[in-house]
Amino acid sequence: QLFGDPAKVKPLIKNSERLTLLATTEEITMGEE
């Protein structure tokens, strides 16, 4: 189950077999508490 921004993740998937893309709208960056 791939959780992420579809606009950034979907173009990178070459074969969707056994992969489920679940759209998210937020990211937690490295510097956040």
PDB file of all heavy atoms in Angstrom:
ATOM      1  N   GLN A   1       0.871  -1.170   0.000  1.00  0.00           N
ATOM      2  CA  GLN A   1       0.000   0.000   0.000  1.00  0.00           C
ATOM      3  C   GLN A   1       0.914   1.227   0.000  1.00  0.00           C
ATOM      4  O   GLN A   1       1.673   1.433   0.951  1.00  0.00           O
ATOM      5  CB  GLN A   1      -0.911   0.008   1.226  1.00  0.00           C
ATOM      6  CG  GLN A   1      -1.885  -1.148   1.273  1.00  0.00           C
ATOM      7  CD  GLN A   1      -2.727  -1.139   2.546  1.00  0.00           C
ATOM      8  OE1 GLN A   1      -2.439  -0.405   3.484  1.00  0.00           O
ATOM      9  NE2 GLN A   1      -3.759  -1.967   2.575  1.00  0.00           N
ATOM     10  N   LEU A   2       0.861   2.013  -1.060  1.00  0.00           N
ATOM     11  CA  LEU A   2       1.728   3.181  -1.197  1.00  0.00           C
ATOM     12  C   LEU A   2       0.950   4.428  -0.810  1.00  0.00           C
ATOM     13  O   LEU A   2      -0.036   4.789  -1.474  1.00  0.00           O
ATOM     14  CB  LEU A   2       2.229   3.309  -2.635  1.00  0.00           C
ATOM     15  CG  LEU A   2       2.951   2.088  -3.208  1.00  0.00           C
ATOM     16  CD1 LEU A   2       3.303   2.341  -4.671  1.00  0.00           C
ATOM     17  CD2 LEU A   2       4.202   1.777  -2.404  1.00  0.00           C
ATOM     18  N   PHE A   3       1.382   5.105   0.250  1.00  0.00           N
ATOM     19  CA  PHE A   3       0.710   6.314   0.716  1.00  0.00           C
ATOM     20  C   PHE A   3       1.516   7.531   0.272  1.00  0.00           C
ATOM     21  O   PHE A   3       2.700   7.669   0.614  1.00  0.00           O
ATOM     22  CB  PHE A   3       0.572   6.299   2.236  1.00  0.00           C
ATOM     23  CG  PHE A   3      -0.383   5.260   2.738  1.00  0.00           C
ATOM     24  CD1 PHE A   3       0.043   3.964   2.983  1.00  0.00           C
ATOM     25  CD2 PHE A   3      -1.717   5.576   2.952  1.00  0.00           C
ATOM     26  CE1 PHE A   3      -0.837   3.000   3.446  1.00  0.00           C
ATOM     27  CE2 PHE A   3      -2.609   4.611   3.407  1.00  0.00           C
ATOM     28  CZ  PHE A   3      -2.172   3.314   3.647  1.00  0.00           C
ATOM     29  N   GLY A   4       0.875   8.417  -0.518  1.00  0.00           N
ATOM     30  CA  GLY A   4       1.584   9.584  -0.992  1.00  0.00           C
ATOM     31  C   GLY A   4       0.775  10.412  -1.966  1.00  0.00           C
ATOM     32  O   GLY A   4      -0.399  10.132  -2.239  1.00  0.00           O
ATOM     33  N   ASP A   5       1.423  11.415  -2.511  1.00  0.00           N
ATOM     34  CA  ASP A   5       0.813  12.333  -3.472  1.00  0.00           C
ATOM     35  C   ASP A   5       0.734  11.637  -4.836  1.00  0.00           C
ATOM     36  O   ASP A   5       1.764  11.352  -5.443  1.00  0.00           O
ATOM     37  CB  ASP A   5       1.672  13.594  -3.565  1.00  0.00           C
ATOM     38  CG  ASP A   5       1.103  14.632  -4.514  1.00  0.00           C
ATOM     39  OD1 ASP A   5       0.144  14.313  -5.252  1.00  0.00           O
ATOM     40  OD2 ASP A   5       1.630  15.758  -4.526  1.00  0.00           O
ATOM     41  N   PRO A   6      -0.452  11.373  -5.331  1.00  0.00           N
ATOM     42  CA  PRO A   6      -0.594  10.656  -6.609  1.00  0.00           C
ATOM     43  C   PRO A   6       0.131  11.345  -7.769  1.00  0.00           C
ATOM     44  O   PRO A   6       0.676  10.678  -8.647  1.00  0.00           O
ATOM     45  CB  PRO A   6      -2.105  10.632  -6.843  1.00  0.00           C
ATOM     46  CG  PRO A   6      -2.702  10.796  -5.497  1.00  0.00           C
ATOM     47  CD  PRO A   6      -1.761  11.682  -4.740  1.00  0.00           C
ATOM     48  N   ALA A   7       0.150  12.675  -7.767  1.00  0.00           N
ATOM     49  CA  ALA A   7       0.797  13.402  -8.862  1.00  0.00           C
ATOM     50  C   ALA A   7       2.301  13.132  -8.913  1.00  0.00           C
ATOM     51  O   ALA A   7       2.911  13.174  -9.979  1.00  0.00           O
ATOM     52  CB  ALA A   7       0.540  14.904  -8.709  1.00  0.00           C
ATOM     53  N   LYS A   8       2.895  12.835  -7.750  1.00  0.00           N
ATOM     54  CA  LYS A   8       4.332  12.566  -7.692  1.00  0.00           C
ATOM     55  C   LYS A   8       4.648  11.071  -7.758  1.00  0.00           C
ATOM     56  O   LYS A   8       5.690  10.683  -8.287  1.00  0.00           O
ATOM     57  CB  LYS A   8       4.915  13.150  -6.400  1.00  0.00           C
ATOM     58  CG  LYS A   8       4.823  14.665  -6.313  1.00  0.00           C
ATOM     59  CD  LYS A   8       5.402  15.166  -4.996  1.00  0.00           C
ATOM     60  CE  LYS A   8       5.316  16.686  -4.895  1.00  0.00           C
ATOM     61  NZ  LYS A   8       5.860  17.191  -3.599  1.00  0.00           N
ATOM     62  N   VAL A   9       3.759  10.246  -7.224  1.00  0.00           N
ATOM     63  CA  VAL A   9       4.040   8.808  -7.110  1.00  0.00           C
ATOM     64  C   VAL A   9       3.614   8.039  -8.357  1.00  0.00           C
ATOM     65  O   VAL A   9       4.375   7.199  -8.876  1.00  0.00           O
ATOM     66  CB  VAL A   9       3.346   8.219  -5.862  1.00  0.00           C
ATOM     67  CG1 VAL A   9       3.532   6.698  -5.803  1.00  0.00           C
ATOM     68  CG2 VAL A   9       3.888   8.861  -4.594  1.00  0.00           C
ATOM     69  N   LYS A  10       2.409   8.307  -8.849  1.00  0.00           N
ATOM     70  CA  LYS A  10       1.852   7.501  -9.949  1.00  0.00           C
ATOM     71  C   LYS A  10       2.738   7.463 -11.191  1.00  0.00           C
ATOM     72  O   LYS A  10       2.924   6.392 -11.791  1.00  0.00           O
ATOM     73  CB  LYS A  10       0.457   7.994 -10.294  1.00  0.00           C
ATOM     74  CG  LYS A  10      -0.294   7.045 -11.229  1.00  0.00           C
ATOM     75  CD  LYS A  10      -1.756   7.483 -11.392  1.00  0.00           C
ATOM     76  CE  LYS A  10      -2.511   6.501 -12.282  1.00  0.00           C
ATOM     77  NZ  LYS A  10      -3.937   6.902 -12.435  1.00  0.00           N
ATOM     78  N   PRO A  11       3.332   8.582 -11.627  1.00  0.00           N
ATOM     79  CA  PRO A  11       4.171   8.529 -12.834  1.00  0.00           C
ATOM     80  C   PRO A  11       5.410   7.652 -12.683  1.00  0.00           C
ATOM     81  O   PRO A  11       5.997   7.241 -13.696  1.00  0.00           O
ATOM     82  CB  PRO A  11       4.573   9.999 -13.037  1.00  0.00           C
ATOM     83  CG  PRO A  11       3.530  10.784 -12.334  1.00  0.00           C
ATOM     84  CD  PRO A  11       3.156   9.961 -11.147  1.00  0.00           C
ATOM     85  N   LEU A  12       5.797   7.346 -11.451  1.00  0.00           N
ATOM     86  CA  LEU A  12       7.010   6.554 -11.216  1.00  0.00           C
ATOM     87  C   LEU A  12       6.750   5.053 -11.219  1.00  0.00           C
ATOM     88  O   LEU A  12       7.687   4.261 -11.311  1.00  0.00           O
ATOM     89  CB  LEU A  12       7.633   6.948  -9.862  1.00  0.00           C
ATOM     90  CG  LEU A  12       8.051   8.415  -9.714  1.00  0.00           C
ATOM     91  CD1 LEU A  12       8.478   8.683  -8.277  1.00  0.00           C
ATOM     92  CD2 LEU A  12       9.192   8.739 -10.670  1.00  0.00           C
ATOM     93  N   ILE A  13       5.493   4.662 -11.117  1.00  0.00           N
ATOM     94  CA  ILE A  13       5.146   3.240 -11.048  1.00  0.00           C
ATOM     95  C   ILE A  13       5.189   2.635 -12.444  1.00  0.00           C
ATOM     96  O   ILE A  13       4.450   3.045 -13.345  1.00  0.00           O
ATOM     97  CB  ILE A  13       3.750   3.047 -10.419  1.00  0.00           C
ATOM     98  CG1 ILE A  13       3.739   3.598  -8.982  1.00  0.00           C
ATOM     99  CG2 ILE A  13       3.366   1.569 -10.421  1.00  0.00           C
ATOM    100  CD1 ILE A  13       2.374   3.559  -8.325  1.00  0.00           C
ATOM    101  N   LYS A  14       6.064   1.660 -12.630  1.00  0.00           N
ATOM    102  CA  LYS A  14       6.199   1.005 -13.932  1.00  0.00           C
ATOM    103  C   LYS A  14       5.215  -0.147 -14.100  1.00  0.00           C
ATOM    104  O   LYS A  14       4.776  -0.446 -15.208  1.00  0.00           O
ATOM    105  CB  LYS A  14       7.628   0.497 -14.108  1.00  0.00           C
ATOM    106  CG  LYS A  14       8.682   1.597 -14.115  1.00  0.00           C
ATOM    107  CD  LYS A  14      10.078   1.024 -14.250  1.00  0.00           C
ATOM    108  CE  LYS A  14      11.129   2.135 -14.247  1.00  0.00           C
ATOM    109  NZ  LYS A  14      12.501   1.581 -14.357  1.00  0.00           N
ATOM    110  N   ASN A  15       4.898  -0.797 -12.980  1.00  0.00           N
ATOM    111  CA  ASN A  15       3.996  -1.948 -13.012  1.00  0.00           C
ATOM    112  C   ASN A  15       3.176  -1.910 -11.731  1.00  0.00           C
ATOM    113  O   ASN A  15       3.734  -1.984 -10.626  1.00  0.00           O
ATOM    114  CB  ASN A  15       4.810  -3.243 -13.100  1.00  0.00           C
ATOM    115  CG  ASN A  15       3.942  -4.482 -13.070  1.00  0.00           C
ATOM    116  OD1 ASN A  15       2.720  -4.400 -12.992  1.00  0.00           O
ATOM    117  ND2 ASN A  15       4.580  -5.654 -13.122  1.00  0.00           N
ATOM    118  N   SER A  16       1.883  -1.792 -11.833  1.00  0.00           N
ATOM    119  CA  SER A  16       1.022  -1.629 -10.663  1.00  0.00           C
ATOM    120  C   SER A  16       0.601  -2.958 -10.032  1.00  0.00           C
ATOM    121  O   SER A  16      -0.220  -2.961  -9.104  1.00  0.00           O
ATOM    122  CB  SER A  16      -0.216  -0.814 -11.033  1.00  0.00           C
ATOM    123  OG  SER A  16      -0.958  -1.486 -12.050  1.00  0.00           O
ATOM    124  N   GLU A  17       1.149  -4.066 -10.505  1.00  0.00           N
ATOM    125  CA  GLU A  17       0.801  -5.367  -9.927  1.00  0.00           C
ATOM    126  C   GLU A  17       1.135  -5.403  -8.445  1.00  0.00           C
ATOM    127  O   GLU A  17       2.252  -5.099  -8.026  1.00  0.00           O
ATOM    128  CB  GLU A  17       1.557  -6.489 -10.647  1.00  0.00           C
ATOM    129  CG  GLU A  17       1.235  -7.880 -10.121  1.00  0.00           C
ATOM    130  CD  GLU A  17       2.079  -8.951 -10.799  1.00  0.00           C
ATOM    131  OE1 GLU A  17       2.868  -8.598 -11.697  1.00  0.00           O
ATOM    132  OE2 GLU A  17       1.954 -10.125 -10.421  1.00  0.00           O
ATOM    133  N   ARG A  18       0.167  -5.755  -7.630  1.00  0.00           N
ATOM    134  CA  ARG A  18       0.290  -5.870  -6.174  1.00  0.00           C
ATOM    135  C   ARG A  18       0.709  -4.560  -5.507  1.00  0.00           C
ATOM    136  O   ARG A  18       1.284  -4.560  -4.425  1.00  0.00           O
ATOM    137  CB  ARG A  18       1.250  -7.003  -5.777  1.00  0.00           C
ATOM    138  CG  ARG A  18       0.639  -8.383  -5.986  1.00  0.00           C
ATOM    139  CD  ARG A  18       1.555  -9.510  -5.553  1.00  0.00           C
ATOM    140  NE  ARG A  18       2.534  -9.826  -6.596  1.00  0.00           N
ATOM    141  CZ  ARG A  18       3.832  -9.787  -6.432  1.00  0.00           C
ATOM    142  NH1 ARG A  18       4.345  -9.451  -5.277  1.00  0.00           N
ATOM    143  NH2 ARG A  18       4.635 -10.085  -7.439  1.00  0.00           N
ATOM    144  N   LEU A  19       0.425  -3.448  -6.180  1.00  0.00           N
ATOM    145  CA  LEU A  19       0.654  -2.122  -5.622  1.00  0.00           C
ATOM    146  C   LEU A  19      -0.660  -1.357  -5.596  1.00  0.00           C
ATOM    147  O   LEU A  19      -1.351  -1.278  -6.612  1.00  0.00           O
ATOM    148  CB  LEU A  19       1.663  -1.323  -6.450  1.00  0.00           C
ATOM    149  CG  LEU A  19       3.056  -1.900  -6.674  1.00  0.00           C
ATOM    150  CD1 LEU A  19       3.893  -0.911  -7.487  1.00  0.00           C
ATOM    151  CD2 LEU A  19       3.737  -2.215  -5.356  1.00  0.00           C
ATOM    152  N   THR A  20      -1.003  -0.796  -4.440  1.00  0.00           N
ATOM    153  CA  THR A  20      -2.208   0.019  -4.314  1.00  0.00           C
ATOM    154  C   THR A  20      -1.796   1.415  -3.876  1.00  0.00           C
ATOM    155  O   THR A  20      -1.164   1.584  -2.820  1.00  0.00           O
ATOM    156  CB  THR A  20      -3.177  -0.578  -3.279  1.00  0.00           C
ATOM    157  OG1 THR A  20      -3.538  -1.908  -3.670  1.00  0.00           O
ATOM    158  CG2 THR A  20      -4.441   0.272  -3.179  1.00  0.00           C
ATOM    159  N   LEU A  21      -2.113   2.403  -4.685  1.00  0.00           N
ATOM    160  CA  LEU A  21      -1.758   3.786  -4.372  1.00  0.00           C
ATOM    161  C   LEU A  21      -2.921   4.442  -3.631  1.00  0.00           C
ATOM    162  O   LEU A  21      -4.046   4.490  -4.129  1.00  0.00           O
ATOM    163  CB  LEU A  21      -1.454   4.559  -5.665  1.00  0.00           C
ATOM    164  CG  LEU A  21      -1.153   6.056  -5.512  1.00  0.00           C
ATOM    165  CD1 LEU A  21       0.000   6.282  -4.549  1.00  0.00           C
ATOM    166  CD2 LEU A  21      -0.863   6.668  -6.872  1.00  0.00           C
ATOM    167  N   LEU A  22      -2.620   4.944  -2.428  1.00  0.00           N
ATOM    168  CA  LEU A  22      -3.617   5.596  -1.589  1.00  0.00           C
ATOM    169  C   LEU A  22      -3.225   7.065  -1.426  1.00  0.00           C
ATOM    170  O   LEU A  22      -2.164   7.375  -0.876  1.00  0.00           O
ATOM    171  CB  LEU A  22      -3.704   4.900  -0.230  1.00  0.00           C
ATOM    172  CG  LEU A  22      -4.147   3.422  -0.331  1.00  0.00           C
ATOM    173  CD1 LEU A  22      -3.881   2.690   0.970  1.00  0.00           C
ATOM    174  CD2 LEU A  22      -5.622   3.340  -0.673  1.00  0.00           C
ATOM    175  N   ALA A  23      -4.071   7.948  -1.897  1.00  0.00           N
ATOM    176  CA  ALA A  23      -3.741   9.372  -1.963  1.00  0.00           C
ATOM    177  C   ALA A  23      -3.699  10.023  -0.588  1.00  0.00           C
ATOM    178  O   ALA A  23      -4.574   9.808   0.252  1.00  0.00           O
ATOM    179  CB  ALA A  23      -4.759  10.092  -2.846  1.00  0.00           C
ATOM    180  N   THR A  24      -2.652  10.823  -0.349  1.00  0.00           N
ATOM    181  CA  THR A  24      -2.551  11.641   0.855  1.00  0.00           C
ATOM    182  C   THR A  24      -2.344  13.093   0.428  1.00  0.00           C
ATOM    183  O   THR A  24      -1.874  13.361  -0.673  1.00  0.00           O
ATOM    184  CB  THR A  24      -1.385  11.197   1.756  1.00  0.00           C
ATOM    185  OG1 THR A  24      -0.155  11.319   1.024  1.00  0.00           O
ATOM    186  CG2 THR A  24      -1.566   9.744   2.193  1.00  0.00           C
ATOM    187  N   THR A  25      -2.682  14.010   1.322  1.00  0.00           N
ATOM    188  CA  THR A  25      -2.613  15.433   0.982  1.00  0.00           C
ATOM    189  C   THR A  25      -1.564  16.188   1.788  1.00  0.00           C
ATOM    190  O   THR A  25      -1.346  17.384   1.558  1.00  0.00           O
ATOM    191  CB  THR A  25      -3.979  16.093   1.223  1.00  0.00           C
ATOM    192  OG1 THR A  25      -4.351  15.939   2.609  1.00  0.00           O
ATOM    193  CG2 THR A  25      -5.048  15.454   0.343  1.00  0.00           C
ATOM    194  N   GLU A  26      -0.896  15.489   2.738  1.00  0.00           N
ATOM    195  CA  GLU A  26       0.067  16.169   3.602  1.00  0.00           C
ATOM    196  C   GLU A  26       1.371  15.375   3.683  1.00  0.00           C
ATOM    197  O   GLU A  26       1.385  14.164   3.469  1.00  0.00           O
ATOM    198  CB  GLU A  26      -0.506  16.354   5.012  1.00  0.00           C
ATOM    199  CG  GLU A  26      -1.740  17.237   5.065  1.00  0.00           C
ATOM    200  CD  GLU A  26      -2.324  17.311   6.462  1.00  0.00           C
ATOM    201  OE1 GLU A  26      -2.692  16.253   7.005  1.00  0.00           O
ATOM    202  OE2 GLU A  26      -2.433  18.437   7.007  1.00  0.00           O
ATOM    203  N   GLU A  27       2.450  16.084   4.012  1.00  0.00           N
ATOM    204  CA  GLU A  27       3.752  15.452   4.216  1.00  0.00           C
ATOM    205  C   GLU A  27       4.354  15.954   5.521  1.00  0.00           C
ATOM    206  O   GLU A  27       4.190  17.121   5.880  1.00  0.00           O
ATOM    207  CB  GLU A  27       4.718  15.780   3.069  1.00  0.00           C
ATOM    208  CG  GLU A  27       4.330  15.202   1.724  1.00  0.00           C
ATOM    209  CD  GLU A  27       5.338  15.562   0.645  1.00  0.00           C
ATOM    210  OE1 GLU A  27       6.547  15.655   0.979  1.00  0.00           O
ATOM    211  OE2 GLU A  27       4.932  15.763  -0.509  1.00  0.00           O
ATOM    212  N   ILE A  28       5.059  15.073   6.225  1.00  0.00           N
ATOM    213  CA  ILE A  28       5.813  15.456   7.412  1.00  0.00           C
ATOM    214  C   ILE A  28       7.276  15.559   6.994  1.00  0.00           C
ATOM    215  O   ILE A  28       7.881  14.567   6.601  1.00  0.00           O
ATOM    216  CB  ILE A  28       5.637  14.442   8.548  1.00  0.00           C
ATOM    217  CG1 ILE A  28       4.178  14.404   9.006  1.00  0.00           C
ATOM    218  CG2 ILE A  28       6.552  14.788   9.725  1.00  0.00           C
ATOM    219  CD1 ILE A  28       3.892  13.367  10.083  1.00  0.00           C
ATOM    220  N   THR A  29       7.825  16.758   7.060  1.00  0.00           N
ATOM    221  CA  THR A  29       9.195  16.974   6.618  1.00  0.00           C
ATOM    222  C   THR A  29      10.183  16.583   7.715  1.00  0.00           C
ATOM    223  O   THR A  29       9.809  16.372   8.874  1.00  0.00           O
ATOM    224  CB  THR A  29       9.416  18.435   6.220  1.00  0.00           C
ATOM    225  OG1 THR A  29       9.203  19.274   7.365  1.00  0.00           O
ATOM    226  CG2 THR A  29       8.443  18.839   5.120  1.00  0.00           C
ATOM    227  N   MET A  30      11.466  16.529   7.340  1.00  0.00           N
ATOM    228  CA  MET A  30      12.496  16.080   8.264  1.00  0.00           C
ATOM    229  C   MET A  30      12.654  16.996   9.479  1.00  0.00           C
ATOM    230  O   MET A  30      12.994  16.555  10.564  1.00  0.00           O
ATOM    231  CB  MET A  30      13.843  15.965   7.533  1.00  0.00           C
ATOM    232  CG  MET A  30      13.905  14.832   6.525  1.00  0.00           C
ATOM    233  SD  MET A  30      13.746  13.219   7.316  1.00  0.00           S
ATOM    234  CE  MET A  30      14.127  12.139   5.924  1.00  0.00           C
ATOM    235  N   GLY A  31      12.391  18.278   9.315  1.00  0.00           N
ATOM    236  CA  GLY A  31      12.648  19.219  10.396  1.00  0.00           C
ATOM    237  C   GLY A  31      11.500  19.429  11.364  1.00  0.00           C
ATOM    238  O   GLY A  31      11.645  20.165  12.345  1.00  0.00           O
ATOM    239  N   GLU A  32      10.357  18.811  11.136  1.00  0.00           N
ATOM    240  CA  GLU A  32       9.192  19.053  11.990  1.00  0.00           C
ATOM    241  C   GLU A  32       9.280  18.324  13.319  1.00  0.00           C
ATOM    242  O   GLU A  32       9.868  17.258  13.432  1.00  0.00           O
ATOM    243  CB  GLU A  32       7.917  18.626  11.259  1.00  0.00           C
ATOM    244  CG  GLU A  32       7.582  19.476  10.053  1.00  0.00           C
ATOM    245  CD  GLU A  32       6.229  19.140   9.473  1.00  0.00           C
ATOM    246  OE1 GLU A  32       5.216  19.431  10.122  1.00  0.00           O
ATOM    247  OE2 GLU A  32       6.184  18.579   8.364  1.00  0.00           O
ATOM    248  N   GLU A  33       8.659  18.924  14.347  1.00  0.00           N
ATOM    249  CA  GLU A  33       8.599  18.298  15.670  1.00  0.00           C
ATOM    250  C   GLU A  33       7.693  17.071  15.564  1.00  0.00           C
ATOM    251  O   GLU A  33       6.530  17.194  15.165  1.00  0.00           O
ATOM    252  CB  GLU A  33       8.056  19.297  16.691  1.00  0.00           C
ATOM    253  CG  GLU A  33       8.336  18.916  18.136  1.00  0.00           C
ATOM    254  CD  GLU A  33       7.428  17.803  18.639  1.00  0.00           C
ATOM    255  OE1 GLU A  33       6.233  17.832  18.295  1.00  0.00           O
ATOM    256  OE2 GLU A  33       7.917  16.906  19.351  1.00  0.00           O
TER     257      GLU A  33
END
